[in-house]
Every structure is written in structure tokens, then in C-alpha cells.
Protein backbone atom coordinates (compact mmCIF):
# COMPACT_ATOMS: atom_id res chain seq x y z
CA UNK A 1 -17.78 -6.04 -29.97
CA UNK A 2 -15.79 -5.06 -26.88
CA UNK A 3 -12.05 -5.54 -27.43
CA UNK A 4 -9.63 -5.89 -24.51
CA UNK A 5 -5.85 -5.73 -24.98
CA UNK A 6 -3.51 -6.66 -22.12
CA UNK A 7 -0.04 -5.08 -22.31
CA UNK A 8 3.26 -5.80 -20.57
CA UNK A 9 6.91 -5.34 -21.51
CA UNK A 10 7.75 -8.39 -23.63
CA UNK A 11 4.36 -10.11 -24.03
CA UNK A 12 5.64 -13.47 -22.78
CA UNK A 13 4.75 -13.48 -19.06
CA UNK A 14 2.12 -11.16 -17.61
CA UNK A 15 0.01 -10.01 -20.55
CA UNK A 16 -0.38 -13.45 -22.16
CA UNK A 17 -1.29 -14.82 -18.72
CA UNK A 18 -3.92 -12.10 -18.37
CA UNK A 19 -5.15 -12.74 -21.92
CA UNK A 20 -5.60 -16.45 -21.22
CA UNK A 21 -7.23 -15.94 -17.80
CA UNK A 22 -9.59 -13.23 -19.06
CA UNK A 23 -10.49 -15.25 -22.17
CA UNK A 24 -11.29 -18.20 -19.87
CA UNK A 25 -13.58 -16.00 -17.75
CA UNK A 26 -15.27 -14.60 -20.86
CA UNK A 27 -15.87 -18.17 -22.06
CA UNK A 28 -17.31 -19.21 -18.68
CA UNK A 29 -19.66 -16.19 -18.80
CA UNK A 30 -20.73 -17.13 -22.36
CA UNK A 31 -19.66 -13.71 -23.63
CA UNK A 32 -17.31 -14.78 -26.43
CA UNK A 33 -19.61 -13.22 -29.03
CA UNK A 34 -19.35 -9.89 -27.17
CA UNK A 35 -15.75 -9.68 -25.92
CA UNK A 36 -12.50 -10.22 -27.86
CA UNK A 37 -9.25 -10.60 -25.91
CA UNK A 38 -5.63 -10.16 -27.03
CA UNK A 39 -2.24 -9.19 -25.61
CA UNK A 40 0.87 -7.31 -26.73
CA UNK A 41 4.18 -6.04 -25.43
CA UNK A 42 5.74 -2.62 -25.59
CA UNK A 43 9.07 -4.20 -26.59
CA UNK A 44 9.87 -6.23 -29.70
CA UNK A 45 12.31 -8.81 -28.30
CA UNK A 46 9.94 -11.78 -28.23
CA UNK A 47 7.72 -11.22 -31.29
CA UNK A 48 6.37 -14.57 -32.49
CA UNK A 49 7.37 -16.47 -29.34
CA UNK A 50 5.05 -18.53 -27.17
CA UNK A 51 4.47 -17.44 -23.57
CA UNK A 52 7.30 -18.06 -21.08
CA UNK A 53 7.46 -21.63 -19.75
CA UNK A 54 6.56 -20.38 -16.25
CA UNK A 55 3.41 -18.73 -17.62
CA UNK A 56 2.45 -21.88 -19.52
CA UNK A 57 3.08 -24.03 -16.46
CA UNK A 58 0.88 -21.97 -14.11
CA UNK A 59 -1.91 -21.76 -16.69
CA UNK A 60 -1.73 -25.55 -17.11
CA UNK A 61 -2.05 -26.00 -13.33
CA UNK A 62 -5.34 -24.09 -13.40
CA UNK A 63 -6.60 -25.70 -16.62
CA UNK A 64 -6.51 -22.47 -18.62
CA UNK A 65 -5.93 -22.76 -22.36
CA UNK A 66 -3.01 -20.79 -23.81
CA UNK A 67 -2.72 -22.48 -27.20
CA UNK A 68 -2.23 -20.01 -30.04
CA UNK A 69 -1.00 -17.12 -27.91
CA UNK A 70 2.14 -15.60 -29.43
CA UNK A 71 4.01 -12.42 -28.58
CA UNK A 72 3.53 -9.28 -30.61
CA UNK A 73 4.34 -5.62 -30.16
CA UNK A 74 1.61 -3.04 -29.58
CA UNK A 75 0.93 -0.87 -32.63
CA UNK A 76 -0.62 2.57 -33.07
CA UNK A 77 -3.79 1.13 -34.61
CA UNK A 78 -4.40 -0.90 -31.43
CA UNK A 79 -5.39 2.35 -29.74
CA UNK A 80 -8.20 2.73 -32.27
CA UNK A 81 -9.18 -0.94 -32.49
CA UNK A 82 -9.42 -1.81 -28.80
CA UNK A 83 -12.00 -0.61 -26.30
CA UNK A 84 -9.81 -1.25 -23.26
CA UNK A 85 -6.02 -1.39 -23.04
CA UNK A 86 -4.95 -2.89 -19.74
CA UNK A 87 -1.34 -2.32 -18.64
CA UNK A 88 0.50 -4.32 -16.02
CA UNK A 89 2.49 -1.40 -14.61
CA UNK A 90 3.24 2.32 -14.87
CA UNK A 91 6.26 1.63 -17.06
CA UNK A 92 4.01 -0.05 -19.65
CA UNK A 93 1.80 3.04 -19.72
CA UNK A 94 4.82 5.32 -20.15
CA UNK A 95 6.21 3.11 -22.92
CA UNK A 96 2.86 3.13 -24.74
CA UNK A 97 2.75 6.92 -24.58
CA UNK A 98 6.24 7.06 -26.12
CA UNK A 99 5.23 4.66 -28.89
CA UNK A 100 2.26 6.76 -29.98
CA UNK A 101 2.99 10.37 -28.96
CA UNK A 102 1.24 11.81 -32.00
CA UNK A 103 -2.00 9.97 -31.38
CA UNK A 104 -4.39 12.73 -30.37
CA UNK A 105 -7.57 10.72 -30.47
CA UNK A 106 -8.04 7.09 -29.63
CA UNK A 107 -10.90 4.81 -28.76
CA UNK A 108 -9.20 2.80 -26.05
CA UNK A 109 -9.56 3.50 -22.37
CA UNK A 110 -6.21 2.75 -20.69
CA UNK A 111 -6.10 1.29 -17.18
CA UNK A 112 -3.66 -0.55 -14.95
CA UNK A 113 -4.92 -4.08 -14.33
CA UNK A 114 -4.64 -3.93 -10.55
CA UNK A 115 -6.89 -0.85 -10.46
CA UNK A 116 -9.72 -3.38 -10.75
CA UNK A 117 -8.70 -5.45 -7.71
CA UNK A 118 -9.53 -3.98 -4.30
CA UNK A 119 -6.80 -6.03 -2.62
CA UNK A 120 -4.12 -4.74 -4.97
CA UNK A 121 -5.33 -1.30 -6.07
CA UNK A 122 -2.64 1.20 -7.11
CA UNK A 123 0.06 -1.46 -7.41
CA UNK A 124 1.94 -2.85 -10.35
CA UNK A 125 1.88 -6.51 -11.39
CA UNK A 126 5.48 -7.63 -10.75
CA UNK A 127 7.27 -9.16 -13.72
CA UNK A 128 7.84 -12.89 -13.06
CA UNK A 129 10.49 -12.90 -15.80
CA UNK A 130 12.67 -11.26 -13.13
CA UNK A 131 11.03 -12.44 -9.87
CA UNK A 132 10.26 -16.02 -10.89
CA UNK A 133 7.03 -15.87 -8.86
CA UNK A 134 4.43 -16.93 -11.41
CA UNK A 135 1.99 -18.09 -8.70
CA UNK A 136 1.81 -14.63 -7.10
CA UNK A 137 1.31 -13.01 -10.50
CA UNK A 138 -1.40 -15.53 -11.40
CA UNK A 139 -3.32 -14.75 -8.20
CA UNK A 140 -3.16 -11.01 -8.86
CA UNK A 141 -4.23 -11.45 -12.47
CA UNK A 142 -7.02 -13.89 -11.66
CA UNK A 143 -8.62 -11.57 -9.09
CA UNK A 144 -8.17 -8.49 -11.26
CA UNK A 145 -9.63 -10.16 -14.34
CA UNK A 146 -12.71 -11.19 -12.39
CA UNK A 147 -13.30 -7.57 -11.35
CA UNK A 148 -12.44 -6.29 -14.84
CA UNK A 149 -15.07 -8.55 -16.38
CA UNK A 150 -17.64 -7.31 -13.86
CA UNK A 151 -16.69 -3.72 -14.69
CA UNK A 152 -17.04 -4.32 -18.43
CA UNK A 153 -20.37 -6.11 -18.03
CA UNK A 154 -21.74 -3.21 -15.98
CA UNK A 155 -20.23 -0.43 -18.10
CA UNK A 156 -21.09 -1.97 -21.47
CA UNK A 157 -24.46 -3.42 -20.45
CA UNK A 158 -23.59 -7.08 -21.05
């Protein structure tokens, strides 16, 4: 089983959006038996909360299910459990490294999400909690998730 964890700061805007979009793509590709998707935040402020209303609204516009997604904080064992950990920005990567500095070995390969999108490579996914632009973030995530799924299928032989 390939396990993909999307990570942002609070786990209420970007990473749950990516989780829902990627899960939708996995479902469309009939790969649910092969790929598990989850999300987490580096911070603990929103643990147990549903995604931000702006995230829910944009997912509803595109008919993407988000029921059951609740915020949680990334934990050290996630680095052993997940195959891929996908961060939204450099700050998320830095925060993860601070959370698990003693972790010498881990299974997960850590990437920035936009590294998978040719149109956005080497950029960060802006946080719509601050910008309010959920449409822009959705477009970035949608394109990146499409390329991420292709990468996983090719790399993992699915």
C-alpha cells in the first residue's frame, strides 16, 4: 500500500484540499486499493476541526468529497508509516524537520507539492487562510495532484 500524506501549517486549508483532490483522482483511477491518502498540519491549533469553509466551498464547486476530513498534527511515526510526505511550502518542510530532529531513518520521501507541476515548479502553495484566494490554490493543487499521481504510478508500477 502506497501512503501519501499532505502537510501544511494548520491542516484546515491547503493540505485537506490536496487530500480531497488527490483522493478523488485516486478513486477515478480505480487505485483506492493501492493508495491511501491523508493530511496533517505542523501546528496543533486546529486539531479535530473540519477544513476551512473556503476549502469546503471550493471542493463543493468541483464536486469533490471532503466528508470525514479533520485536522490533525503530524507525528513522528508518520515518517515511518507514509511513503510520500507532500509539503505545501518550505516552511512546512522546516517545521517538520524541527518536529522530528532525532529521526535518523524514515520511510517517507518528502517533496513540495508544486515540484510535480511544470507550471509551478519551485514555488510554494500560498496559504488561502491569509490570501483568501481558494480558487488559485485549488488550481495549483489540482494540477500538481494530477502529476503526483502520474509520478506515483510510474515510480511504484501501478
